[in-house]
Amino acid sequence: MNTLRADFFDQGKAQSTSDDPDTRALSNCWLCKAPVDYIAEPHSTDDSHNLDHYYIVRDYPELEEDVDNFRHSHRLCNLNRGTRAPSLGLGDAVADWW
């Protein structure tokens, strides 16, 4: 798992420096959509990289090492999410007058 975690971090770091904005966006936190600090050591600051699992390991232990279940996140966003389903929102609110 340590190797998978390191490889996933390296992938995100490489994506974050891409000239293509769509590729760069793949390295952002999947929960808040803001850029992740790939300069800081993983798990060292609130904005540093943290590997998150789309399907939580407690409920889906068989997916712990499945790279398709990995998501880039901020340490703080992942901690705040905990074992709850992600709160990704439904998009922009419609104006009150609508």
C-alpha atoms as a PDB file:
ATOM      1  CA  MET A   1       0.000   0.000   0.000  1.00  0.00           C
ATOM      2  CA  ASN A   2       2.923   2.355   0.692  1.00  0.00           C
ATOM      3  CA  THR A   3       4.120   1.974  -2.901  1.00  0.00           C
ATOM      4  CA  LEU A   4       0.618   2.567  -4.276  1.00  0.00           C
ATOM      5  CA  ARG A   5       0.245   5.643  -2.053  1.00  0.00           C
ATOM      6  CA  ALA A   6       3.611   7.062  -3.216  1.00  0.00           C
ATOM      7  CA  ASP A   7       2.836   6.364  -6.877  1.00  0.00           C
ATOM      8  CA  PHE A   8      -0.560   8.071  -6.569  1.00  0.00           C
ATOM      9  CA  PHE A   9       1.057  11.130  -4.958  1.00  0.00           C
ATOM     10  CA  ASP A  10       3.650  11.277  -7.771  1.00  0.00           C
ATOM     11  CA  GLN A  11       0.866  11.039 -10.358  1.00  0.00           C
ATOM     12  CA  GLY A  12      -0.997  13.956  -8.764  1.00  0.00           C
ATOM     13  CA  LYS A  13       2.178  16.025  -8.486  1.00  0.00           C
ATOM     14  CA  ALA A  14       2.928  15.484 -12.188  1.00  0.00           C
ATOM     15  CA  GLN A  15      -0.659  16.342 -13.152  1.00  0.00           C
ATOM     16  CA  SER A  16      -0.507  19.529 -11.064  1.00  0.00           C
ATOM     17  CA  THR A  17       2.294  20.924 -13.245  1.00  0.00           C
ATOM     18  CA  SER A  18       0.695  20.070 -16.587  1.00  0.00           C
ATOM     19  CA  ASP A  19       0.167  22.779 -19.196  1.00  0.00           C
ATOM     20  CA  ASP A  20      -3.282  21.332 -19.867  1.00  0.00           C
ATOM     21  CA  PRO A  21      -5.871  22.796 -17.452  1.00  0.00           C
ATOM     22  CA  ASP A  22      -8.025  19.642 -17.632  1.00  0.00           C
ATOM     23  CA  THR A  23      -5.079  17.455 -16.613  1.00  0.00           C
ATOM     24  CA  ARG A  24      -4.108  19.937 -13.890  1.00  0.00           C
ATOM     25  CA  ALA A  25      -7.663  19.814 -12.498  1.00  0.00           C
ATOM     26  CA  LEU A  26      -7.319  16.038 -11.985  1.00  0.00           C
ATOM     27  CA  SER A  27      -4.748  16.737  -9.260  1.00  0.00           C
ATOM     28  CA  ASN A  28      -7.086  19.015  -7.285  1.00  0.00           C
ATOM     29  CA  CYS A  29      -8.897  17.928  -4.156  1.00  0.00           C
ATOM     30  CA  TRP A  30     -11.894  15.926  -5.288  1.00  0.00           C
ATOM     31  CA  LEU A  31     -13.929  17.190  -2.330  1.00  0.00           C
ATOM     32  CA  CYS A  32     -13.457  20.979  -2.544  1.00  0.00           C
ATOM     33  CA  LYS A  33     -11.933  21.216  -6.062  1.00  0.00           C
ATOM     34  CA  ALA A  34      -9.089  23.508  -4.854  1.00  0.00           C
ATOM     35  CA  PRO A  35      -5.434  22.797  -5.744  1.00  0.00           C
ATOM     36  CA  VAL A  36      -3.504  20.505  -3.404  1.00  0.00           C
ATOM     37  CA  ASP A  37      -0.104  21.603  -2.032  1.00  0.00           C
ATOM     38  CA  TYR A  38       2.230  19.024  -3.590  1.00  0.00           C
ATOM     39  CA  ILE A  39       5.320  20.869  -2.284  1.00  0.00           C
ATOM     40  CA  ALA A  40       4.501  19.966   1.318  1.00  0.00           C
ATOM     41  CA  GLU A  41       5.082  16.414   2.512  1.00  0.00           C
ATOM     42  CA  PRO A  42       1.888  14.364   2.314  1.00  0.00           C
ATOM     43  CA  HIS A  43      -0.193  14.491   5.517  1.00  0.00           C
ATOM     44  CA  SER A  44       1.936  17.333   6.946  1.00  0.00           C
ATOM     45  CA  THR A  45      -0.385  20.360   6.595  1.00  0.00           C
ATOM     46  CA  ASP A  46      -4.101  20.953   6.109  1.00  0.00           C
ATOM     47  CA  ASP A  47      -3.539  21.667   2.388  1.00  0.00           C
ATOM     48  CA  SER A  48      -1.081  18.825   1.791  1.00  0.00           C
ATOM     49  CA  HIS A  49      -1.918  15.693  -0.195  1.00  0.00           C
ATOM     50  CA  ASN A  50      -3.929  12.926   1.364  1.00  0.00           C
ATOM     51  CA  LEU A  51      -5.024   9.808  -0.461  1.00  0.00           C
ATOM     52  CA  ASP A  52      -8.776   9.443  -0.026  1.00  0.00           C
ATOM     53  CA  HIS A  53     -10.899   6.453  -0.969  1.00  0.00           C
ATOM     54  CA  TYR A  54     -14.148   7.084  -2.851  1.00  0.00           C
ATOM     55  CA  TYR A  55     -15.635   3.991  -1.207  1.00  0.00           C
ATOM     56  CA  ILE A  56     -14.509   4.022   2.413  1.00  0.00           C
ATOM     57  CA  VAL A  57     -12.236   1.193   3.477  1.00  0.00           C
ATOM     58  CA  ARG A  58     -14.310   0.384   6.564  1.00  0.00           C
ATOM     59  CA  ASP A  59     -17.260  -0.613   4.361  1.00  0.00           C
ATOM     60  CA  TYR A  60     -15.313  -1.817   1.315  1.00  0.00           C
ATOM     61  CA  PRO A  61     -12.019  -3.317   2.560  1.00  0.00           C
ATOM     62  CA  GLU A  62     -11.585  -5.164  -0.726  1.00  0.00           C
ATOM     63  CA  LEU A  63     -11.156  -1.781  -2.482  1.00  0.00           C
ATOM     64  CA  GLU A  64      -8.394  -0.444  -0.228  1.00  0.00           C
ATOM     65  CA  GLU A  65      -5.668  -1.122  -2.802  1.00  0.00           C
ATOM     66  CA  ASP A  66      -7.816  -0.522  -5.884  1.00  0.00           C
ATOM     67  CA  VAL A  67      -6.307   2.511  -7.630  1.00  0.00           C
ATOM     68  CA  ASP A  68      -9.678   3.257  -9.262  1.00  0.00           C
ATOM     69  CA  ASN A  69     -10.964   3.944  -5.725  1.00  0.00           C
ATOM     70  CA  PHE A  70      -8.200   6.500  -4.977  1.00  0.00           C
ATOM     71  CA  ARG A  71      -8.885  10.237  -4.970  1.00  0.00           C
ATOM     72  CA  HIS A  72      -6.573  13.209  -4.411  1.00  0.00           C
ATOM     73  CA  SER A  73      -7.639  15.302  -1.433  1.00  0.00           C
ATOM     74  CA  HIS A  74      -6.429  17.815   1.098  1.00  0.00           C
ATOM     75  CA  ARG A  75      -5.576  16.376   4.479  1.00  0.00           C
ATOM     76  CA  LEU A  76      -8.189  18.614   6.132  1.00  0.00           C
ATOM     77  CA  CYS A  77     -10.934  17.808   3.603  1.00  0.00           C
ATOM     78  CA  ASN A  78     -10.345  14.085   4.091  1.00  0.00           C
ATOM     79  CA  LEU A  79     -10.361  14.455   7.886  1.00  0.00           C
ATOM     80  CA  ASN A  80     -13.571  16.489   7.764  1.00  0.00           C
ATOM     81  CA  ARG A  81     -15.230  13.926   5.523  1.00  0.00           C
ATOM     82  CA  GLY A  82     -14.297  11.084   7.844  1.00  0.00           C
ATOM     83  CA  THR A  83     -16.364   8.010   7.024  1.00  0.00           C
ATOM     84  CA  ARG A  84     -19.350   9.966   5.719  1.00  0.00           C
ATOM     85  CA  ALA A  85     -20.375  10.132   2.089  1.00  0.00           C
ATOM     86  CA  PRO A  86     -18.765  13.104   0.340  1.00  0.00           C
ATOM     87  CA  SER A  87     -20.701  16.366   0.305  1.00  0.00           C
ATOM     88  CA  LEU A  88     -19.949  17.451  -3.238  1.00  0.00           C
ATOM     89  CA  GLY A  89     -22.984  19.679  -3.713  1.00  0.00           C
ATOM     90  CA  LEU A  90     -25.418  19.709  -6.595  1.00  0.00           C
ATOM     91  CA  GLY A  91     -24.126  22.729  -8.462  1.00  0.00           C
ATOM     92  CA  ASP A  92     -24.961  26.418  -8.377  1.00  0.00           C
ATOM     93  CA  ALA A  93     -28.073  27.562  -6.568  1.00  0.00           C
ATOM     94  CA  VAL A  94     -30.814  29.121  -8.635  1.00  0.00           C
ATOM     95  CA  ALA A  95     -31.482  32.785  -7.839  1.00  0.00           C
ATOM     96  CA  ASP A  96     -34.373  33.449  -5.429  1.00  0.00           C
ATOM     97  CA  TRP A  97     -36.281  35.339  -8.098  1.00  0.00           C
ATOM     98  CA  TRP A  98     -36.257  32.367 -10.480  1.00  0.00           C
END
